Amino acid sequence: GGKGYFNYSHAGKQMALTAFASDRNISKEEQETINFILAQ
């Protein structure tokens, strides 16, 4: 936790992990997570 921490390897790992997603509808709280991050 805390501010300013960053790891350059995270983006590549996330690109690999998106392939494991299911096609379910996400919840309201999950959508709010995306909205909150992108609204910064």
All heavy atoms as atom14 arrays in JSON, in Angstrom:
{
  "sequence": "GGKGYFNYSHAGKQMALTAFASDRNISKEEQETINFILAQ",
  "atom14_mask": [
    [1, 1, 1, 1, 0, 0, 0, 0, 0, 0, 0, 0, 0, 0],
    [1, 1, 1, 1, 0, 0, 0, 0, 0, 0, 0, 0, 0, 0],
    [1, 1, 1, 1, 1, 1, 1, 1, 1, 0, 0, 0, 0, 0],
    [1, 1, 1, 1, 0, 0, 0, 0, 0, 0, 0, 0, 0, 0],
    [1, 1, 1, 1, 1, 1, 1, 1, 1, 1, 1, 1, 0, 0],
    [1, 1, 1, 1, 1, 1, 1, 1, 1, 1, 1, 0, 0, 0],
    [1, 1, 1, 1, 1, 1, 1, 1, 0, 0, 0, 0, 0, 0],
    [1, 1, 1, 1, 1, 1, 1, 1, 1, 1, 1, 1, 0, 0],
    [1, 1, 1, 1, 1, 1, 0, 0, 0, 0, 0, 0, 0, 0],
    [1, 1, 1, 1, 1, 1, 1, 1, 1, 1, 0, 0, 0, 0],
    [1, 1, 1, 1, 1, 0, 0, 0, 0, 0, 0, 0, 0, 0],
    [1, 1, 1, 1, 0, 0, 0, 0, 0, 0, 0, 0, 0, 0],
    [1, 1, 1, 1, 1, 1, 1, 1, 1, 0, 0, 0, 0, 0],
    [1, 1, 1, 1, 1, 1, 1, 1, 1, 0, 0, 0, 0, 0],
    [1, 1, 1, 1, 1, 1, 1, 1, 0, 0, 0, 0, 0, 0],
    [1, 1, 1, 1, 1, 0, 0, 0, 0, 0, 0, 0, 0, 0],
    [1, 1, 1, 1, 1, 1, 1, 1, 0, 0, 0, 0, 0, 0],
    [1, 1, 1, 1, 1, 1, 1, 0, 0, 0, 0, 0, 0, 0],
    [1, 1, 1, 1, 1, 0, 0, 0, 0, 0, 0, 0, 0, 0],
    [1, 1, 1, 1, 1, 1, 1, 1, 1, 1, 1, 0, 0, 0],
    [1, 1, 1, 1, 1, 0, 0, 0, 0, 0, 0, 0, 0, 0],
    [1, 1, 1, 1, 1, 1, 0, 0, 0, 0, 0, 0, 0, 0],
    [1, 1, 1, 1, 1, 1, 1, 1, 0, 0, 0, 0, 0, 0],
    [1, 1, 1, 1, 1, 1, 1, 1, 1, 1, 1, 0, 0, 0],
    [1, 1, 1, 1, 1, 1, 1, 1, 0, 0, 0, 0, 0, 0],
    [1, 1, 1, 1, 1, 1, 1, 1, 0, 0, 0, 0, 0, 0],
    [1, 1, 1, 1, 1, 1, 0, 0, 0, 0, 0, 0, 0, 0],
    [1, 1, 1, 1, 1, 1, 1, 1, 1, 0, 0, 0, 0, 0],
    [1, 1, 1, 1, 1, 1, 1, 1, 1, 0, 0, 0, 0, 0],
    [1, 1, 1, 1, 1, 1, 1, 1, 1, 0, 0, 0, 0, 0],
    [1, 1, 1, 1, 1, 1, 1, 1, 1, 0, 0, 0, 0, 0],
    [1, 1, 1, 1, 1, 1, 1, 1, 1, 0, 0, 0, 0, 0],
    [1, 1, 1, 1, 1, 1, 1, 0, 0, 0, 0, 0, 0, 0],
    [1, 1, 1, 1, 1, 1, 1, 1, 0, 0, 0, 0, 0, 0],
    [1, 1, 1, 1, 1, 1, 1, 1, 0, 0, 0, 0, 0, 0],
    [1, 1, 1, 1, 1, 1, 1, 1, 1, 1, 1, 0, 0, 0],
    [1, 1, 1, 1, 1, 1, 1, 1, 0, 0, 0, 0, 0, 0],
    [1, 1, 1, 1, 1, 1, 1, 1, 0, 0, 0, 0, 0, 0],
    [1, 1, 1, 1, 1, 0, 0, 0, 0, 0, 0, 0, 0, 0],
    [1, 1, 1, 1, 1, 1, 1, 1, 1, 0, 0, 0, 0, 0]
  ],
  "atom14_positions": [
    [[0.83, -1.18, 0.0], [0.0, 0.0, 0.0], [0.87, 1.24, 0.0], [2.1, 1.17, -0.06], [0.0, 0.0, 0.0], [0.0, 0.0, 0.0], [0.0, 0.0, 0.0], [0.0, 0.0, 0.0], [0.0, 0.0, 0.0], [0.0, 0.0, 0.0], [0.0, 0.0, 0.0], [0.0, 0.0, 0.0], [0.0, 0.0, 0.0], [0.0, 0.0, 0.0]],
    [[0.25, 2.39, 0.08], [1.02, 3.62, 0.03], [1.11, 4.16, -1.39], [0.7, 3.5, -2.35], [0.0, 0.0, 0.0], [0.0, 0.0, 0.0], [0.0, 0.0, 0.0], [0.0, 0.0, 0.0], [0.0, 0.0, 0.0], [0.0, 0.0, 0.0], [0.0, 0.0, 0.0], [0.0, 0.0, 0.0], [0.0, 0.0, 0.0], [0.0, 0.0, 0.0]],
    [[1.68, 5.34, -1.53], [1.71, 6.03, -2.81], [3.07, 5.9, -3.48], [4.1, 5.8, -2.83], [1.39, 7.52, -2.6], [0.01, 7.76, -1.99], [-0.24, 9.24, -1.77], [-1.61, 9.47, -1.16], [-1.9, 10.91, -0.94], [0.0, 0.0, 0.0], [0.0, 0.0, 0.0], [0.0, 0.0, 0.0], [0.0, 0.0, 0.0], [0.0, 0.0, 0.0]],
    [[3.04, 5.9, -4.82], [4.28, 5.99, -5.59], [4.94, 4.68, -5.93], [5.95, 4.65, -6.63], [0.0, 0.0, 0.0], [0.0, 0.0, 0.0], [0.0, 0.0, 0.0], [0.0, 0.0, 0.0], [0.0, 0.0, 0.0], [0.0, 0.0, 0.0], [0.0, 0.0, 0.0], [0.0, 0.0, 0.0], [0.0, 0.0, 0.0], [0.0, 0.0, 0.0]],
    [[4.39, 3.55, -5.46], [5.01, 2.26, -5.78], [4.65, 1.87, -7.21], [3.51, 2.03, -7.64], [4.54, 1.19, -4.8], [5.02, 1.4, -3.39], [4.17, 1.89, -2.41], [6.35, 1.13, -3.03], [4.61, 2.1, -1.12], [6.79, 1.33, -1.74], [5.92, 1.81, -0.78], [6.36, 2.02, 0.49], [0.0, 0.0, 0.0], [0.0, 0.0, 0.0]],
    [[5.63, 1.33, -7.92], [5.39, 0.97, -9.33], [6.3, -0.18, -9.71], [7.44, -0.26, -9.26], [5.66, 2.18, -10.24], [5.32, 1.92, -11.68], [4.0, 1.89, -12.1], [6.32, 1.7, -12.62], [3.69, 1.65, -13.43], [6.01, 1.46, -13.94], [4.69, 1.44, -14.35], [0.0, 0.0, 0.0], [0.0, 0.0, 0.0], [0.0, 0.0, 0.0]],
    [[5.79, -1.07, -10.52], [6.57, -2.2, -11.01], [6.36, -2.31, -12.51], [5.24, -2.51, -12.99], [6.1, -3.49, -10.31], [6.99, -4.68, -10.61], [7.35, -4.91, -11.76], [7.35, -5.43, -9.59], [0.0, 0.0, 0.0], [0.0, 0.0, 0.0], [0.0, 0.0, 0.0], [0.0, 0.0, 0.0], [0.0, 0.0, 0.0], [0.0, 0.0, 0.0]],
    [[7.45, -2.16, -13.27], [7.35, -2.15, -14.73], [6.88, -3.48, -15.31], [6.41, -3.53, -16.44], [8.71, -1.79, -15.34], [9.14, -0.37, -15.1], [10.16, -0.07, -14.21], [8.53, 0.68, -15.77], [10.57, 1.24, -13.98], [8.92, 2.0, -15.55], [9.95, 2.26, -14.65], [10.33, 3.56, -14.44], [0.0, 0.0, 0.0], [0.0, 0.0, 0.0]],
    [[6.99, -4.56, -14.55], [6.63, -5.87, -15.09], [5.13, -6.15, -15.02], [4.66, -7.11, -15.62], [7.38, -6.98, -14.34], [6.88, -7.12, -13.01], [0.0, 0.0, 0.0], [0.0, 0.0, 0.0], [0.0, 0.0, 0.0], [0.0, 0.0, 0.0], [0.0, 0.0, 0.0], [0.0, 0.0, 0.0], [0.0, 0.0, 0.0], [0.0, 0.0, 0.0]],
    [[4.38, -5.34, -14.29], [2.97, -5.65, -14.07], [2.15, -5.65, -15.36], [1.25, -6.47, -15.54], [2.36, -4.66, -13.08], [2.76, -4.93, -11.66], [2.35, -4.14, -10.61], [3.53, -5.9, -11.11], [2.84, -4.61, -9.48], [3.57, -5.67, -9.76], [0.0, 0.0, 0.0], [0.0, 0.0, 0.0], [0.0, 0.0, 0.0], [0.0, 0.0, 0.0]],
    [[2.43, -4.72, -16.26], [1.63, -4.61, -17.48], [1.72, -5.89, -18.32], [0.71, -6.4, -18.82], [2.05, -3.4, -18.3], [0.0, 0.0, 0.0], [0.0, 0.0, 0.0], [0.0, 0.0, 0.0], [0.0, 0.0, 0.0], [0.0, 0.0, 0.0], [0.0, 0.0, 0.0], [0.0, 0.0, 0.0], [0.0, 0.0, 0.0], [0.0, 0.0, 0.0]],
    [[2.94, -6.41, -18.48], [3.11, -7.62, -19.28], [2.43, -8.83, -18.65], [1.85, -9.67, -19.34], [0.0, 0.0, 0.0], [0.0, 0.0, 0.0], [0.0, 0.0, 0.0], [0.0, 0.0, 0.0], [0.0, 0.0, 0.0], [0.0, 0.0, 0.0], [0.0, 0.0, 0.0], [0.0, 0.0, 0.0], [0.0, 0.0, 0.0], [0.0, 0.0, 0.0]],
    [[2.5, -8.91, -17.33], [1.84, -10.02, -16.63], [0.32, -9.93, -16.78], [-0.36, -10.93, -17.0], [2.24, -10.03, -15.16], [3.72, -10.34, -14.93], [4.09, -10.26, -13.46], [5.57, -10.56, -13.25], [5.96, -10.5, -11.82], [0.0, 0.0, 0.0], [0.0, 0.0, 0.0], [0.0, 0.0, 0.0], [0.0, 0.0, 0.0], [0.0, 0.0, 0.0]],
    [[-0.19, -8.7, -16.67], [-1.64, -8.54, -16.82], [-2.1, -8.88, -18.23], [-3.18, -9.46, -18.42], [-2.05, -7.11, -16.45], [-3.56, -6.88, -16.5], [-3.97, -5.67, -15.7], [-4.0, -5.71, -14.48], [-4.28, -4.58, -16.39], [0.0, 0.0, 0.0], [0.0, 0.0, 0.0], [0.0, 0.0, 0.0], [0.0, 0.0, 0.0], [0.0, 0.0, 0.0]],
    [[-1.29, -8.53, -19.24], [-1.65, -8.88, -20.61], [-1.81, -10.39, -20.76], [-2.72, -10.86, -21.43], [-0.58, -8.36, -21.59], [-0.93, -8.58, -23.05], [0.21, -7.76, -24.19], [1.74, -8.65, -23.89], [0.0, 0.0, 0.0], [0.0, 0.0, 0.0], [0.0, 0.0, 0.0], [0.0, 0.0, 0.0], [0.0, 0.0, 0.0], [0.0, 0.0, 0.0]],
    [[-0.94, -11.16, -20.08], [-1.06, -12.62, -20.13], [-2.3, -13.1, -19.4], [-2.98, -14.03, -19.85], [0.19, -13.25, -19.52], [0.0, 0.0, 0.0], [0.0, 0.0, 0.0], [0.0, 0.0, 0.0], [0.0, 0.0, 0.0], [0.0, 0.0, 0.0], [0.0, 0.0, 0.0], [0.0, 0.0, 0.0], [0.0, 0.0, 0.0], [0.0, 0.0, 0.0]],
    [[-2.64, -12.47, -18.29], [-3.73, -12.95, -17.45], [-5.11, -12.62, -18.02], [-6.1, -13.29, -17.69], [-3.59, -12.38, -16.05], [-2.49, -13.05, -15.2], [-2.09, -12.17, -14.03], [-2.94, -14.42, -14.72], [0.0, 0.0, 0.0], [0.0, 0.0, 0.0], [0.0, 0.0, 0.0], [0.0, 0.0, 0.0], [0.0, 0.0, 0.0], [0.0, 0.0, 0.0]],
    [[-5.22, -11.6, -18.87], [-6.52, -11.28, -19.45], [-7.06, -12.44, -20.29], [-8.27, -12.57, -20.47], [-6.46, -10.02, -20.33], [-5.5, -10.21, -21.38], [-6.07, -8.79, -19.51], [0.0, 0.0, 0.0], [0.0, 0.0, 0.0], [0.0, 0.0, 0.0], [0.0, 0.0, 0.0], [0.0, 0.0, 0.0], [0.0, 0.0, 0.0], [0.0, 0.0, 0.0]],
    [[-6.16, -13.29, -20.78], [-6.6, -14.42, -21.6], [-7.4, -15.44, -20.8], [-8.11, -16.27, -21.38], [-5.38, -15.1, -22.23], [0.0, 0.0, 0.0], [0.0, 0.0, 0.0], [0.0, 0.0, 0.0], [0.0, 0.0, 0.0], [0.0, 0.0, 0.0], [0.0, 0.0, 0.0], [0.0, 0.0, 0.0], [0.0, 0.0, 0.0], [0.0, 0.0, 0.0]],
    [[-7.31, -15.41, -19.47], [-8.0, -16.38, -18.63], [-9.4, -15.9, -18.23], [-10.08, -16.58, -17.45], [-7.19, -16.64, -17.36], [-5.9, -17.37, -17.59], [-4.74, -16.67, -17.93], [-5.82, -18.75, -17.46], [-3.54, -17.33, -18.13], [-4.62, -19.42, -17.66], [-3.49, -18.72, -18.01], [0.0, 0.0, 0.0], [0.0, 0.0, 0.0], [0.0, 0.0, 0.0]],
    [[-9.83, -14.75, -18.72], [-11.12, -14.18, -18.31], [-12.28, -15.04, -18.81], [-12.24, -15.62, -19.91], [-11.25, -12.76, -18.84], [0.0, 0.0, 0.0], [0.0, 0.0, 0.0], [0.0, 0.0, 0.0], [0.0, 0.0, 0.0], [0.0, 0.0, 0.0], [0.0, 0.0, 0.0], [0.0, 0.0, 0.0], [0.0, 0.0, 0.0], [0.0, 0.0, 0.0]],
    [[-13.33, -15.09, -18.01], [-14.58, -15.71, -18.44], [-15.46, -14.64, -19.1], [-15.12, -13.45, -19.08], [-15.31, -16.32, -17.24], [-15.82, -15.29, -16.39], [0.0, 0.0, 0.0], [0.0, 0.0, 0.0], [0.0, 0.0, 0.0], [0.0, 0.0, 0.0], [0.0, 0.0, 0.0], [0.0, 0.0, 0.0], [0.0, 0.0, 0.0], [0.0, 0.0, 0.0]],
    [[-16.58, -15.05, -19.66], [-17.46, -14.1, -20.33], [-18.65, -13.69, -19.46], [-19.67, -13.21, -19.95], [-17.96, -14.66, -21.66], [-18.72, -15.97, -21.49], [-18.87, -16.43, -20.34], [-19.16, -16.53, -22.52], [0.0, 0.0, 0.0], [0.0, 0.0, 0.0], [0.0, 0.0, 0.0], [0.0, 0.0, 0.0], [0.0, 0.0, 0.0], [0.0, 0.0, 0.0]],
    [[-18.55, -13.88, -18.14], [-19.65, -13.5, -17.25], [-19.82, -11.99, -17.22], [-18.91, -11.22, -17.53], [-19.36, -14.02, -15.84], [-18.22, -13.3, -15.12], [-18.1, -13.7, -13.66], [-16.95, -13.07, -13.01], [-17.0, -11.88, -12.42], [-18.11, -11.17, -12.42], [-15.91, -11.38, -11.84], [0.0, 0.0, 0.0], [0.0, 0.0, 0.0], [0.0, 0.0, 0.0]],
    [[-21.0, -11.54, -16.8], [-21.23, -10.13, -16.56], [-20.58, -9.74, -15.22], [-20.75, -10.45, -14.22], [-22.72, -9.83, -16.51], [-23.39, -10.02, -17.85], [-22.81, -9.74, -18.89], [-24.63, -10.52, -17.84], [0.0, 0.0, 0.0], [0.0, 0.0, 0.0], [0.0, 0.0, 0.0], [0.0, 0.0, 0.0], [0.0, 0.0, 0.0], [0.0, 0.0, 0.0]],
    [[-19.86, -8.65, -15.21], [-19.21, -8.23, -13.97], [-20.22, -7.49, -13.09], [-21.23, -6.96, -13.58], [-17.96, -7.37, -14.23], [-18.32, -6.06, -14.96], [-16.93, -8.15, -15.01], [-17.14, -5.11, -15.09], [0.0, 0.0, 0.0], [0.0, 0.0, 0.0], [0.0, 0.0, 0.0], [0.0, 0.0, 0.0], [0.0, 0.0, 0.0], [0.0, 0.0, 0.0]],
    [[-19.92, -7.44, -11.8], [-20.83, -6.82, -10.85], [-20.72, -5.3, -10.89], [-19.79, -4.73, -11.47], [-20.51, -7.32, -9.43], [-19.26, -6.78, -9.0], [0.0, 0.0, 0.0], [0.0, 0.0, 0.0], [0.0, 0.0, 0.0], [0.0, 0.0, 0.0], [0.0, 0.0, 0.0], [0.0, 0.0, 0.0], [0.0, 0.0, 0.0], [0.0, 0.0, 0.0]],
    [[-21.67, -4.65, -10.22], [-21.65, -3.19, -10.11], [-20.37, -2.72, -9.44], [-19.74, -1.74, -9.88], [-22.87, -2.73, -9.33], [-22.92, -1.22, -9.13], [-24.14, -0.82, -8.29], [-24.16, 0.68, -8.02], [-25.32, 1.08, -7.18], [0.0, 0.0, 0.0], [0.0, 0.0, 0.0], [0.0, 0.0, 0.0], [0.0, 0.0, 0.0], [0.0, 0.0, 0.0]],
    [[-19.95, -3.4, -8.37], [-18.74, -3.0, -7.65], [-17.49, -3.18, -8.52], [-16.55, -2.38, -8.45], [-18.6, -3.81, -6.37], [-19.66, -3.5, -5.31], [-21.01, -4.12, -5.62], [-21.08, -5.02, -6.51], [-22.0, -3.72, -5.0], [0.0, 0.0, 0.0], [0.0, 0.0, 0.0], [0.0, 0.0, 0.0], [0.0, 0.0, 0.0], [0.0, 0.0, 0.0]],
    [[-17.47, -4.23, -9.32], [-16.34, -4.44, -10.23], [-16.28, -3.34, -11.29], [-15.2, -2.81, -11.6], [-16.45, -5.82, -10.87], [-16.2, -6.95, -9.9], [-16.58, -8.3, -10.48], [-17.55, -8.39, -11.26], [-15.89, -9.28, -10.16], [0.0, 0.0, 0.0], [0.0, 0.0, 0.0], [0.0, 0.0, 0.0], [0.0, 0.0, 0.0], [0.0, 0.0, 0.0]],
    [[-17.43, -2.97, -11.84], [-17.45, -1.89, -12.83], [-17.04, -0.57, -12.2], [-16.32, 0.23, -12.82], [-18.85, -1.76, -13.43], [-18.94, -0.72, -14.55], [-18.03, -1.05, -15.73], [-18.1, -2.14, -16.29], [-17.18, -0.11, -16.11], [0.0, 0.0, 0.0], [0.0, 0.0, 0.0], [0.0, 0.0, 0.0], [0.0, 0.0, 0.0], [0.0, 0.0, 0.0]],
    [[-17.44, -0.36, -10.95], [-17.04, 0.87, -10.26], [-15.53, 0.92, -10.04], [-14.94, 2.0, -10.01], [-17.78, 0.97, -8.93], [-19.26, 1.32, -9.08], [-20.02, 1.29, -7.76], [-19.44, 0.8, -6.76], [-21.18, 1.73, -7.73], [0.0, 0.0, 0.0], [0.0, 0.0, 0.0], [0.0, 0.0, 0.0], [0.0, 0.0, 0.0], [0.0, 0.0, 0.0]],
    [[-14.9, -0.25, -9.89], [-13.44, -0.29, -9.77], [-12.78, 0.27, -11.03], [-11.88, 1.12, -10.96], [-12.97, -1.73, -9.53], [-13.52, -2.21, -8.31], [-11.45, -1.81, -9.48], [0.0, 0.0, 0.0], [0.0, 0.0, 0.0], [0.0, 0.0, 0.0], [0.0, 0.0, 0.0], [0.0, 0.0, 0.0], [0.0, 0.0, 0.0], [0.0, 0.0, 0.0]],
    [[-13.24, -0.19, -12.18], [-12.7, 0.31, -13.44], [-12.97, 1.8, -13.58], [-12.06, 2.59, -13.91], [-13.31, -0.46, -14.63], [-12.9, -1.93, -14.59], [-12.89, 0.18, -15.96], [-13.59, -2.79, -15.63], [0.0, 0.0, 0.0], [0.0, 0.0, 0.0], [0.0, 0.0, 0.0], [0.0, 0.0, 0.0], [0.0, 0.0, 0.0], [0.0, 0.0, 0.0]],
    [[-14.2, 2.19, -13.33], [-14.57, 3.6, -13.48], [-13.74, 4.5, -12.58], [-13.31, 5.59, -12.99], [-16.06, 3.79, -13.17], [-16.96, 3.07, -14.15], [-16.53, 2.66, -15.23], [-18.22, 2.9, -13.78], [0.0, 0.0, 0.0], [0.0, 0.0, 0.0], [0.0, 0.0, 0.0], [0.0, 0.0, 0.0], [0.0, 0.0, 0.0], [0.0, 0.0, 0.0]],
    [[-13.5, 4.05, -11.36], [-12.76, 4.86, -10.4], [-11.32, 5.05, -10.86], [-10.77, 6.16, -10.8], [-12.8, 4.19, -9.02], [-12.18, 5.02, -7.92], [-12.92, 6.02, -7.3], [-10.87, 4.81, -7.52], [-12.35, 6.79, -6.28], [-10.29, 5.58, -6.51], [-11.04, 6.57, -5.89], [0.0, 0.0, 0.0], [0.0, 0.0, 0.0], [0.0, 0.0, 0.0]],
    [[-10.68, 3.98, -11.32], [-9.29, 4.09, -11.78], [-9.2, 5.0, -13.0], [-8.35, 5.9, -13.06], [-8.71, 2.69, -12.09], [-8.6, 1.86, -10.81], [-7.34, 2.82, -12.76], [-8.24, 0.41, -11.06], [0.0, 0.0, 0.0], [0.0, 0.0, 0.0], [0.0, 0.0, 0.0], [0.0, 0.0, 0.0], [0.0, 0.0, 0.0], [0.0, 0.0, 0.0]],
    [[-10.08, 4.81, -13.96], [-9.99, 5.58, -15.2], [-10.38, 7.04, -14.98], [-9.98, 7.91, -15.77], [-10.87, 4.96, -16.28], [-10.5, 3.54, -16.72], [-11.27, 3.14, -17.97], [-9.0, 3.4, -16.96], [0.0, 0.0, 0.0], [0.0, 0.0, 0.0], [0.0, 0.0, 0.0], [0.0, 0.0, 0.0], [0.0, 0.0, 0.0], [0.0, 0.0, 0.0]],
    [[-11.13, 7.32, -13.93], [-11.54, 8.7, -13.66], [-10.46, 9.53, -13.01], [-10.6, 10.75, -12.9], [-12.79, 8.7, -12.77], [0.0, 0.0, 0.0], [0.0, 0.0, 0.0], [0.0, 0.0, 0.0], [0.0, 0.0, 0.0], [0.0, 0.0, 0.0], [0.0, 0.0, 0.0], [0.0, 0.0, 0.0], [0.0, 0.0, 0.0], [0.0, 0.0, 0.0]],
    [[-9.37, 8.9, -12.57], [-8.29, 9.65, -11.93], [-7.65, 10.58, -12.96], [-7.09, 10.12, -13.95], [-7.25, 8.7, -11.35], [-7.79, 7.75, -10.3], [-8.4, 8.48, -9.13], [-7.77, 9.34, -8.51], [-9.65, 8.15, -8.81], [0.0, 0.0, 0.0], [0.0, 0.0, 0.0], [0.0, 0.0, 0.0], [0.0, 0.0, 0.0], [0.0, 0.0, 0.0]]
  ]
}
